[in-house]
Amino acid sequence: MHNLKTATLAAGFVSCVVLGAVAAPAIPNGTHIDEKYRRKFAECDSNNVFDGVHFPIYKNEEKKKIKWYPCKSDPSNFSRFERIKAPSGGKDAVLFVSKLALDLDGSDKACTNPGKTDNCSTSLMLDPRSKTPCVIKTASGKECVPVRADHIPYAVIPAAAPEGIDPMEFRNLTHLTWGDYGVVILKDKIIPVIVADGGPAYKIGEGSAALRKDLSSNPRDFEKGVTFILVPHSRDKRSSLSPDTLGEVVKQKGLDLYRRLLGQH
């Protein structure tokens, strides 16, 4: 975990980051990506409606078993959505500020005693290694080792949707996908992450148990004002990622991209 001292503005931007003894420049103001899209989340937070689709959606109306959960009881608090231009030689980044909900997918609990919304698999799956055998075997052989929420700090992006909502909208707007790197910032903590899972397309702001543990022990800190800075097209080939060493790779890649965004080489 990298605990780099920061001074933050009320809006959630980092105004000064100290890397060692050298003060890095402020993250520049970004350009809005799509305010109309961001306001869809505010509408769902207030009225449980996203793109005209009403929540909750039940898989069994008589028994009231929920398939898609509402927003009002778990608001996204999606307050910023911007593209940050990188200095020469760096990669542009996507910045958004929101809540930070808990994702347990890929963890021991999700694989052995899952809750209602837990999955053993993650959107990003890895190939087995000698120390980490296959967890989920399929006939196609495509799924194998999930990214463990209890071990790896990872970010979740909007992806899954009921009929009437475009599951690709966030990814089309940002060009982010599984395996991209970045950081998540809360107060004085900057934690490198990998994008490893997808959540409901009508909610935003979710991360692994390991990420939340590294950021804060106070659950109320995750209700709003958490800054995600993720870098599209920064992912490595699946074949080059090892579940044995993924934690160290995420720390190195995420922090390096963040430093480059700040002009630190």
C-alpha atoms as a PDB file:
ATOM      1  CA  MET A   1       0.000   0.000   0.000  1.00  0.00           C
ATOM      2  CA  HIS A   2       1.225   3.461  -0.902  1.00  0.00           C
ATOM      3  CA  ASN A   3       0.261   6.063   1.683  1.00  0.00           C
ATOM      4  CA  LEU A   4       1.281   9.288  -0.077  1.00  0.00           C
ATOM      5  CA  LYS A   5       0.400  12.436   1.848  1.00  0.00           C
ATOM      6  CA  THR A   6      -2.066  14.618   0.006  1.00  0.00           C
ATOM      7  CA  ALA A   7      -3.870  17.868   0.461  1.00  0.00           C
ATOM      8  CA  THR A   8      -7.347  17.693  -1.038  1.00  0.00           C
ATOM      9  CA  LEU A   9      -9.907  20.223  -2.112  1.00  0.00           C
ATOM     10  CA  ALA A  10     -13.497  19.911  -1.005  1.00  0.00           C
ATOM     11  CA  ALA A  11     -14.467  18.890  -4.526  1.00  0.00           C
ATOM     12  CA  GLY A  12     -12.291  15.823  -4.261  1.00  0.00           C
ATOM     13  CA  PHE A  13      -9.321  16.914  -6.375  1.00  0.00           C
ATOM     14  CA  VAL A  14      -5.780  16.403  -5.220  1.00  0.00           C
ATOM     15  CA  SER A  15      -4.087  19.794  -4.972  1.00  0.00           C
ATOM     16  CA  CYS A  16      -0.652  18.614  -3.901  1.00  0.00           C
ATOM     17  CA  VAL A  17       0.884  15.177  -3.701  1.00  0.00           C
ATOM     18  CA  VAL A  18       4.211  14.499  -2.063  1.00  0.00           C
ATOM     19  CA  LEU A  19       6.234  11.682  -3.603  1.00  0.00           C
ATOM     20  CA  GLY A  20       9.221  11.253  -1.334  1.00  0.00           C
ATOM     21  CA  ALA A  21      10.491  14.774  -0.748  1.00  0.00           C
ATOM     22  CA  VAL A  22       9.358  16.241  -4.077  1.00  0.00           C
ATOM     23  CA  ALA A  23       5.999  18.007  -4.321  1.00  0.00           C
ATOM     24  CA  ALA A  24       4.212  17.016  -7.510  1.00  0.00           C
ATOM     25  CA  PRO A  25       2.075  19.492  -9.465  1.00  0.00           C
ATOM     26  CA  ALA A  26      -1.672  19.518  -8.986  1.00  0.00           C
ATOM     27  CA  ILE A  27      -3.816  17.279 -11.136  1.00  0.00           C
ATOM     28  CA  PRO A  28      -5.060  19.643 -13.853  1.00  0.00           C
ATOM     29  CA  ASN A  29      -8.747  20.319 -14.277  1.00  0.00           C
ATOM     30  CA  GLY A  30     -10.238  17.877 -16.732  1.00  0.00           C
ATOM     31  CA  THR A  31     -12.873  18.213 -19.412  1.00  0.00           C
ATOM     32  CA  HIS A  32     -16.379  16.893 -18.815  1.00  0.00           C
ATOM     33  CA  ILE A  33     -16.945  13.571 -20.528  1.00  0.00           C
ATOM     34  CA  ASP A  34     -20.757  13.496 -20.571  1.00  0.00           C
ATOM     35  CA  GLU A  35     -22.809  15.426 -18.029  1.00  0.00           C
ATOM     36  CA  LYS A  36     -26.085  14.047 -19.386  1.00  0.00           C
ATOM     37  CA  TYR A  37     -24.829  10.545 -18.638  1.00  0.00           C
ATOM     38  CA  ARG A  38     -23.675  11.541 -15.128  1.00  0.00           C
ATOM     39  CA  ARG A  39     -27.092  13.024 -14.347  1.00  0.00           C
ATOM     40  CA  LYS A  40     -28.726   9.658 -15.044  1.00  0.00           C
ATOM     41  CA  PHE A  41     -27.126   8.390 -11.833  1.00  0.00           C
ATOM     42  CA  ALA A  42     -28.422  11.372  -9.869  1.00  0.00           C
ATOM     43  CA  GLU A  43     -31.917  10.614 -11.170  1.00  0.00           C
ATOM     44  CA  CYS A  44     -31.592   7.018 -10.004  1.00  0.00           C
ATOM     45  CA  ASP A  45     -30.253   8.154  -6.607  1.00  0.00           C
ATOM     46  CA  SER A  46     -33.340  10.350  -6.156  1.00  0.00           C
ATOM     47  CA  ASN A  47     -36.127   8.451  -7.913  1.00  0.00           C
ATOM     48  CA  ASN A  48     -34.921   4.884  -8.605  1.00  0.00           C
ATOM     49  CA  VAL A  49     -35.184   5.563 -12.350  1.00  0.00           C
ATOM     50  CA  PHE A  50     -32.325   5.218 -14.855  1.00  0.00           C
ATOM     51  CA  ASP A  51     -32.915   5.786 -18.580  1.00  0.00           C
ATOM     52  CA  GLY A  52     -36.638   5.306 -17.987  1.00  0.00           C
ATOM     53  CA  VAL A  53     -36.121   1.939 -16.244  1.00  0.00           C
ATOM     54  CA  HIS A  54     -37.652   1.736 -12.741  1.00  0.00           C
ATOM     55  CA  PHE A  55     -36.006  -0.106  -9.848  1.00  0.00           C
ATOM     56  CA  PRO A  56     -36.100  -2.475  -8.090  1.00  0.00           C
ATOM     57  CA  ILE A  57     -36.728  -5.133 -10.699  1.00  0.00           C
ATOM     58  CA  TYR A  58     -37.952  -8.446  -9.324  1.00  0.00           C
ATOM     59  CA  LYS A  59     -37.133 -11.897 -10.641  1.00  0.00           C
ATOM     60  CA  ASN A  60     -40.218 -13.171  -8.816  1.00  0.00           C
ATOM     61  CA  GLU A  61     -42.978 -10.593  -8.351  1.00  0.00           C
ATOM     62  CA  GLU A  62     -45.041 -12.748  -5.972  1.00  0.00           C
ATOM     63  CA  LYS A  63     -42.147 -13.483  -3.624  1.00  0.00           C
ATOM     64  CA  LYS A  64     -40.594 -10.045  -4.191  1.00  0.00           C
ATOM     65  CA  LYS A  65     -37.182 -11.527  -4.895  1.00  0.00           C
ATOM     66  CA  ILE A  66     -35.048  -8.690  -6.229  1.00  0.00           C
ATOM     67  CA  LYS A  67     -32.981  -9.199  -9.363  1.00  0.00           C
ATOM     68  CA  TRP A  68     -31.873  -5.566  -9.810  1.00  0.00           C
ATOM     69  CA  TYR A  69     -31.594  -3.501  -6.627  1.00  0.00           C
ATOM     70  CA  PRO A  70     -32.748   0.135  -6.277  1.00  0.00           C
ATOM     71  CA  CYS A  71     -30.480   3.180  -6.115  1.00  0.00           C
ATOM     72  CA  LYS A  72     -31.999   5.314  -3.338  1.00  0.00           C
ATOM     73  CA  SER A  73     -30.856   2.930  -0.607  1.00  0.00           C
ATOM     74  CA  ASP A  74     -27.346   2.795  -2.114  1.00  0.00           C
ATOM     75  CA  PRO A  75     -26.775   6.125  -3.925  1.00  0.00           C
ATOM     76  CA  SER A  76     -23.831   6.487  -6.285  1.00  0.00           C
ATOM     77  CA  ASN A  77     -23.187  10.142  -5.362  1.00  0.00           C
ATOM     78  CA  PHE A  78     -21.523  10.501  -8.758  1.00  0.00           C
ATOM     79  CA  SER A  79     -20.251  14.101  -8.613  1.00  0.00           C
ATOM     80  CA  ARG A  80     -17.453  14.391 -11.224  1.00  0.00           C
ATOM     81  CA  PHE A  81     -16.791  12.718 -14.556  1.00  0.00           C
ATOM     82  CA  GLU A  82     -13.818  14.092 -16.458  1.00  0.00           C
ATOM     83  CA  ARG A  83     -11.000  13.227 -18.821  1.00  0.00           C
ATOM     84  CA  ILE A  84      -7.565  14.348 -17.598  1.00  0.00           C
ATOM     85  CA  LYS A  85      -5.024  15.211 -20.273  1.00  0.00           C
ATOM     86  CA  ALA A  86      -1.627  13.713 -19.530  1.00  0.00           C
ATOM     87  CA  PRO A  87       1.685  15.489 -20.109  1.00  0.00           C
ATOM     88  CA  SER A  88       3.707  14.470 -23.149  1.00  0.00           C
ATOM     89  CA  GLY A  89       4.603  10.794 -22.956  1.00  0.00           C
ATOM     90  CA  GLY A  90       1.797   9.896 -20.557  1.00  0.00           C
ATOM     91  CA  LYS A  91      -1.626   8.353 -21.053  1.00  0.00           C
ATOM     92  CA  ASP A  92      -4.819  10.362 -20.593  1.00  0.00           C
ATOM     93  CA  ALA A  93      -6.935   9.308 -17.623  1.00  0.00           C
ATOM     94  CA  VAL A  94     -10.599   9.154 -16.659  1.00  0.00           C
ATOM     95  CA  LEU A  95     -11.514  10.702 -13.328  1.00  0.00           C
ATOM     96  CA  PHE A  96     -14.774  10.189 -11.478  1.00  0.00           C
ATOM     97  CA  VAL A  97     -15.828  10.912  -7.900  1.00  0.00           C
ATOM     98  CA  SER A  98     -18.481   8.798  -6.195  1.00  0.00           C
ATOM     99  CA  LYS A  99     -19.180   6.420  -3.338  1.00  0.00           C
ATOM    100  CA  LEU A 100     -17.131   3.239  -2.845  1.00  0.00           C
ATOM    101  CA  ALA A 101     -19.357   0.197  -2.406  1.00  0.00           C
ATOM    102  CA  LEU A 102     -17.980  -3.203  -1.373  1.00  0.00           C
ATOM    103  CA  ASP A 103     -17.249  -5.969  -3.899  1.00  0.00           C
ATOM    104  CA  LEU A 104     -16.382  -9.444  -2.615  1.00  0.00           C
ATOM    105  CA  ASP A 105     -16.214 -11.203  -5.996  1.00  0.00           C
ATOM    106  CA  GLY A 106     -13.296 -13.588  -6.357  1.00  0.00           C
ATOM    107  CA  SER A 107     -12.737 -13.795  -2.599  1.00  0.00           C
ATOM    108  CA  ASP A 108     -12.665 -16.983  -0.535  1.00  0.00           C
ATOM    109  CA  LYS A 109     -16.104 -16.081   0.847  1.00  0.00           C
ATOM    110  CA  ALA A 110     -17.601 -15.506  -2.583  1.00  0.00           C
ATOM    111  CA  CYS A 111     -16.246 -18.861  -3.780  1.00  0.00           C
ATOM    112  CA  THR A 112     -17.252 -20.911  -0.719  1.00  0.00           C
ATOM    113  CA  ASN A 113     -20.151 -19.134   1.019  1.00  0.00           C
ATOM    114  CA  PRO A 114     -21.451 -16.407  -1.307  1.00  0.00           C
ATOM    115  CA  GLY A 115     -23.995 -13.773  -0.404  1.00  0.00           C
ATOM    116  CA  LYS A 116     -26.894 -12.782  -2.671  1.00  0.00           C
ATOM    117  CA  THR A 117     -24.771 -10.565  -4.911  1.00  0.00           C
ATOM    118  CA  ASP A 118     -21.398 -12.359  -4.641  1.00  0.00           C
ATOM    119  CA  ASN A 119     -19.738 -14.270  -7.478  1.00  0.00           C
ATOM    120  CA  CYS A 120     -16.683 -16.488  -7.429  1.00  0.00           C
ATOM    121  CA  SER A 121     -15.694 -15.235 -10.877  1.00  0.00           C
ATOM    122  CA  THR A 122     -14.575 -11.703 -11.727  1.00  0.00           C
ATOM    123  CA  SER A 123     -14.804  -9.964 -15.089  1.00  0.00           C
ATOM    124  CA  LEU A 124     -11.021 -10.175 -15.360  1.00  0.00           C
ATOM    125  CA  MET A 125      -9.927 -13.803 -15.082  1.00  0.00           C
ATOM    126  CA  LEU A 126      -6.315 -14.986 -14.963  1.00  0.00           C
ATOM    127  CA  ASP A 127      -4.485 -18.065 -16.154  1.00  0.00           C
ATOM    128  CA  PRO A 128      -3.297 -20.529 -13.496  1.00  0.00           C
ATOM    129  CA  ARG A 129       0.260 -20.719 -12.248  1.00  0.00           C
ATOM    130  CA  SER A 130       2.135 -23.305 -10.203  1.00  0.00           C
ATOM    131  CA  LYS A 131       1.242 -21.586  -6.912  1.00  0.00           C
ATOM    132  CA  THR A 132      -2.294 -20.679  -7.978  1.00  0.00           C
ATOM    133  CA  PRO A 133      -4.274 -23.475  -9.626  1.00  0.00           C
ATOM    134  CA  CYS A 134      -7.490 -23.057 -11.591  1.00  0.00           C
ATOM    135  CA  VAL A 135     -10.518 -22.132  -9.460  1.00  0.00           C
ATOM    136  CA  ILE A 136     -13.330 -22.094 -12.037  1.00  0.00           C
ATOM    137  CA  LYS A 137     -13.092 -24.663 -14.816  1.00  0.00           C
ATOM    138  CA  THR A 138     -15.283 -24.446 -17.905  1.00  0.00           C
ATOM    139  CA  ALA A 139     -15.499 -26.502 -21.061  1.00  0.00           C
ATOM    140  CA  SER A 140     -14.070 -23.612 -23.062  1.00  0.00           C
ATOM    141  CA  GLY A 141     -11.159 -23.224 -20.661  1.00  0.00           C
ATOM    142  CA  LYS A 142     -11.542 -19.419 -20.736  1.00  0.00           C
ATOM    143  CA  GLU A 143     -12.293 -18.956 -17.024  1.00  0.00           C
ATOM    144  CA  CYS A 144      -9.799 -20.016 -14.421  1.00  0.00           C
ATOM    145  CA  VAL A 145      -8.467 -17.796 -11.607  1.00  0.00           C
ATOM    146  CA  PRO A 146     -10.536 -14.821 -10.378  1.00  0.00           C
ATOM    147  CA  VAL A 147      -8.953 -11.635  -9.067  1.00  0.00           C
ATOM    148  CA  ARG A 148      -9.350 -12.014  -5.311  1.00  0.00           C
ATOM    149  CA  ALA A 149     -11.258  -9.174  -3.679  1.00  0.00           C
ATOM    150  CA  ASP A 150      -9.744 -10.034  -0.301  1.00  0.00           C
ATOM    151  CA  HIS A 151      -6.160  -9.767  -1.613  1.00  0.00           C
ATOM    152  CA  ILE A 152      -6.059  -7.337  -4.568  1.00  0.00           C
ATOM    153  CA  PRO A 153      -7.167  -3.679  -4.559  1.00  0.00           C
ATOM    154  CA  TYR A 154      -9.393  -3.497  -7.605  1.00  0.00           C
ATOM    155  CA  ALA A 155     -11.937  -1.105  -9.079  1.00  0.00           C
ATOM    156  CA  VAL A 156     -15.340  -2.029 -10.487  1.00  0.00           C
ATOM    157  CA  ILE A 157     -16.905  -0.256 -13.475  1.00  0.00           C
ATOM    158  CA  PRO A 158     -20.549  -0.130 -14.656  1.00  0.00           C
ATOM    159  CA  ALA A 159     -21.225  -3.052 -16.973  1.00  0.00           C
ATOM    160  CA  ALA A 160     -24.271  -5.259 -16.271  1.00  0.00           C
ATOM    161  CA  ALA A 161     -27.754  -4.007 -17.114  1.00  0.00           C
ATOM    162  CA  PRO A 162     -31.397  -5.022 -17.356  1.00  0.00           C
ATOM    163  CA  GLU A 163     -33.294  -4.589 -20.613  1.00  0.00           C
ATOM    164  CA  GLY A 164     -33.593  -0.927 -21.544  1.00  0.00           C
ATOM    165  CA  ILE A 165     -30.148   0.157 -20.316  1.00  0.00           C
ATOM    166  CA  ASP A 166     -27.010   0.016 -22.443  1.00  0.00           C
ATOM    167  CA  PRO A 167     -24.434  -2.111 -20.568  1.00  0.00           C
ATOM    168  CA  MET A 168     -21.625  -0.699 -22.739  1.00  0.00           C
ATOM    169  CA  GLU A 169     -22.314   3.019 -22.245  1.00  0.00           C
ATOM    170  CA  PHE A 170     -19.670   3.648 -19.576  1.00  0.00           C
ATOM    171  CA  ARG A 171     -17.033   1.647 -21.439  1.00  0.00           C
ATOM    172  CA  ASN A 172     -17.847   3.343 -24.742  1.00  0.00           C
ATOM    173  CA  LEU A 173     -17.564   6.800 -23.159  1.00  0.00           C
ATOM    174  CA  THR A 174     -14.317   6.098 -21.293  1.00  0.00           C
ATOM    175  CA  HIS A 175     -12.639   3.256 -23.250  1.00  0.00           C
ATOM    176  CA  LEU A 176     -11.903   1.614 -19.898  1.00  0.00           C
ATOM    177  CA  THR A 177     -12.096  -2.137 -19.574  1.00  0.00           C
ATOM    178  CA  TRP A 178     -10.855  -5.083 -17.506  1.00  0.00           C
ATOM    179  CA  GLY A 179      -7.145  -4.992 -16.763  1.00  0.00           C
ATOM    180  CA  ASP A 180      -6.657  -1.227 -16.988  1.00  0.00           C
ATOM    181  CA  TYR A 181      -4.723   0.352 -14.113  1.00  0.00           C
ATOM    182  CA  GLY A 182      -5.059   3.481 -12.008  1.00  0.00           C
ATOM    183  CA  VAL A 183      -5.431   4.732  -8.453  1.00  0.00           C
ATOM    184  CA  VAL A 184      -8.217   5.393  -5.987  1.00  0.00           C
ATOM    185  CA  ILE A 185      -7.866   8.337  -3.612  1.00  0.00           C
ATOM    186  CA  LEU A 186      -9.534   8.964  -0.268  1.00  0.00           C
ATOM    187  CA  LYS A 187      -8.289  11.804   1.913  1.00  0.00           C
ATOM    188  CA  ASP A 188      -4.568  11.114   2.464  1.00  0.00           C
ATOM    189  CA  LYS A 189      -4.522   7.643   0.896  1.00  0.00           C
ATOM    190  CA  ILE A 190      -3.628   6.835  -2.698  1.00  0.00           C
ATOM    191  CA  ILE A 191      -4.059   3.155  -3.560  1.00  0.00           C
ATOM    192  CA  PRO A 192      -3.032   1.668  -6.944  1.00  0.00           C
ATOM    193  CA  VAL A 193      -5.749  -0.518  -8.472  1.00  0.00           C
ATOM    194  CA  ILE A 194      -6.619  -2.671 -11.434  1.00  0.00           C
ATOM    195  CA  VAL A 195     -10.054  -2.699 -13.095  1.00  0.00           C
ATOM    196  CA  ALA A 196     -11.112  -6.271 -12.409  1.00  0.00           C
ATOM    197  CA  ASP A 197     -14.893  -6.480 -12.230  1.00  0.00           C
ATOM    198  CA  GLY A 198     -18.141  -5.083 -13.556  1.00  0.00           C
ATOM    199  CA  GLY A 199     -21.152  -3.954 -11.556  1.00  0.00           C
ATOM    200  CA  PRO A 200     -24.663  -2.723 -12.412  1.00  0.00           C
ATOM    201  CA  ALA A 201     -24.613  -0.234 -15.290  1.00  0.00           C
ATOM    202  CA  TYR A 202     -26.955   2.111 -13.405  1.00  0.00           C
ATOM    203  CA  LYS A 203     -24.621   2.430 -10.389  1.00  0.00           C
ATOM    204  CA  ILE A 204     -21.033   3.620 -10.123  1.00  0.00           C
ATOM    205  CA  GLY A 205     -18.368   3.528  -7.416  1.00  0.00           C
ATOM    206  CA  GLU A 206     -17.388   0.063  -6.235  1.00  0.00           C
ATOM    207  CA  GLY A 207     -14.175  -1.662  -5.249  1.00  0.00           C
ATOM    208  CA  SER A 208     -12.733  -4.757  -3.662  1.00  0.00           C
ATOM    209  CA  ALA A 209     -12.583  -5.518   0.041  1.00  0.00           C
ATOM    210  CA  ALA A 210      -8.792  -5.149  -0.109  1.00  0.00           C
ATOM    211  CA  LEU A 211      -9.129  -1.639  -1.578  1.00  0.00           C
ATOM    212  CA  ARG A 212     -11.537  -0.508   1.124  1.00  0.00           C
ATOM    213  CA  LYS A 213      -9.330  -2.003   3.834  1.00  0.00           C
ATOM    214  CA  ASP A 214      -6.317  -0.075   2.520  1.00  0.00           C
ATOM    215  CA  LEU A 215      -8.255   3.195   2.325  1.00  0.00           C
ATOM    216  CA  SER A 216     -10.127   3.408   5.644  1.00  0.00           C
ATOM    217  CA  SER A 217     -11.571   1.469   8.551  1.00  0.00           C
ATOM    218  CA  ASN A 218     -14.598   3.796   8.739  1.00  0.00           C
ATOM    219  CA  PRO A 219     -17.471   2.690   6.450  1.00  0.00           C
ATOM    220  CA  ARG A 220     -18.909   6.224   6.418  1.00  0.00           C
ATOM    221  CA  ASP A 221     -15.819   7.413   4.545  1.00  0.00           C
ATOM    222  CA  PHE A 222     -17.033   5.477   1.511  1.00  0.00           C
ATOM    223  CA  GLU A 223     -20.435   7.148   1.172  1.00  0.00           C
ATOM    224  CA  LYS A 224     -19.167   9.877  -1.195  1.00  0.00           C
ATOM    225  CA  GLY A 225     -16.088  11.827  -2.262  1.00  0.00           C
ATOM    226  CA  VAL A 226     -13.922   8.857  -3.324  1.00  0.00           C
ATOM    227  CA  THR A 227     -11.791   9.725  -6.371  1.00  0.00           C
ATOM    228  CA  PHE A 228     -11.099   7.141  -9.072  1.00  0.00           C
ATOM    229  CA  ILE A 229      -8.367   7.922 -11.619  1.00  0.00           C
ATOM    230  CA  LEU A 230      -8.224   5.120 -14.188  1.00  0.00           C
ATOM    231  CA  VAL A 231      -6.176   4.958 -17.378  1.00  0.00           C
ATOM    232  CA  PRO A 232      -7.717   3.515 -20.558  1.00  0.00           C
ATOM    233  CA  HIS A 233      -5.544   1.298 -22.782  1.00  0.00           C
ATOM    234  CA  SER A 234      -3.084   0.642 -19.944  1.00  0.00           C
ATOM    235  CA  ARG A 235      -3.869  -3.050 -19.549  1.00  0.00           C
ATOM    236  CA  ASP A 236      -1.453  -5.923 -20.097  1.00  0.00           C
ATOM    237  CA  LYS A 237      -2.198  -9.109 -21.996  1.00  0.00           C
ATOM    238  CA  ARG A 238      -3.948 -11.695 -19.853  1.00  0.00           C
ATOM    239  CA  SER A 239      -1.210 -14.210 -20.607  1.00  0.00           C
ATOM    240  CA  SER A 240       1.385 -11.899 -19.033  1.00  0.00           C
ATOM    241  CA  LEU A 241      -0.516 -11.524 -15.746  1.00  0.00           C
ATOM    242  CA  SER A 242       0.208 -14.017 -13.001  1.00  0.00           C
ATOM    243  CA  PRO A 243      -2.101 -14.416  -9.990  1.00  0.00           C
ATOM    244  CA  ASP A 244       1.061 -15.139  -7.976  1.00  0.00           C
ATOM    245  CA  THR A 245       2.488 -11.651  -8.557  1.00  0.00           C
ATOM    246  CA  LEU A 246      -0.548  -9.534  -9.465  1.00  0.00           C
ATOM    247  CA  GLY A 247      -0.485  -7.513  -6.236  1.00  0.00           C
ATOM    248  CA  GLU A 248       3.004  -6.168  -6.896  1.00  0.00           C
ATOM    249  CA  VAL A 249       2.261  -5.516 -10.563  1.00  0.00           C
ATOM    250  CA  VAL A 250      -0.817  -3.458  -9.642  1.00  0.00           C
ATOM    251  CA  LYS A 251       1.185  -1.355  -7.176  1.00  0.00           C
ATOM    252  CA  GLN A 252       3.921  -0.665  -9.702  1.00  0.00           C
ATOM    253  CA  LYS A 253       1.736  -0.029 -12.763  1.00  0.00           C
ATOM    254  CA  GLY A 254      -0.939   2.019 -10.999  1.00  0.00           C
ATOM    255  CA  LEU A 255       1.496   4.300  -9.223  1.00  0.00           C
ATOM    256  CA  ASP A 256       3.689   4.726 -12.318  1.00  0.00           C
ATOM    257  CA  LEU A 257       0.708   5.835 -14.418  1.00  0.00           C
ATOM    258  CA  TYR A 258      -0.384   8.247 -11.710  1.00  0.00           C
ATOM    259  CA  ARG A 259       3.082   9.771 -11.464  1.00  0.00           C
ATOM    260  CA  ARG A 260       3.192  10.233 -15.238  1.00  0.00           C
ATOM    261  CA  LEU A 261      -0.185  11.938 -15.120  1.00  0.00           C
ATOM    262  CA  LEU A 262       1.330  14.385 -12.619  1.00  0.00           C
ATOM    263  CA  GLY A 263       4.403  14.905 -14.782  1.00  0.00           C
ATOM    264  CA  GLN A 264       6.646  12.699 -12.626  1.00  0.00           C
ATOM    265  CA  HIS A 265       8.832  10.359 -14.713  1.00  0.00           C
END
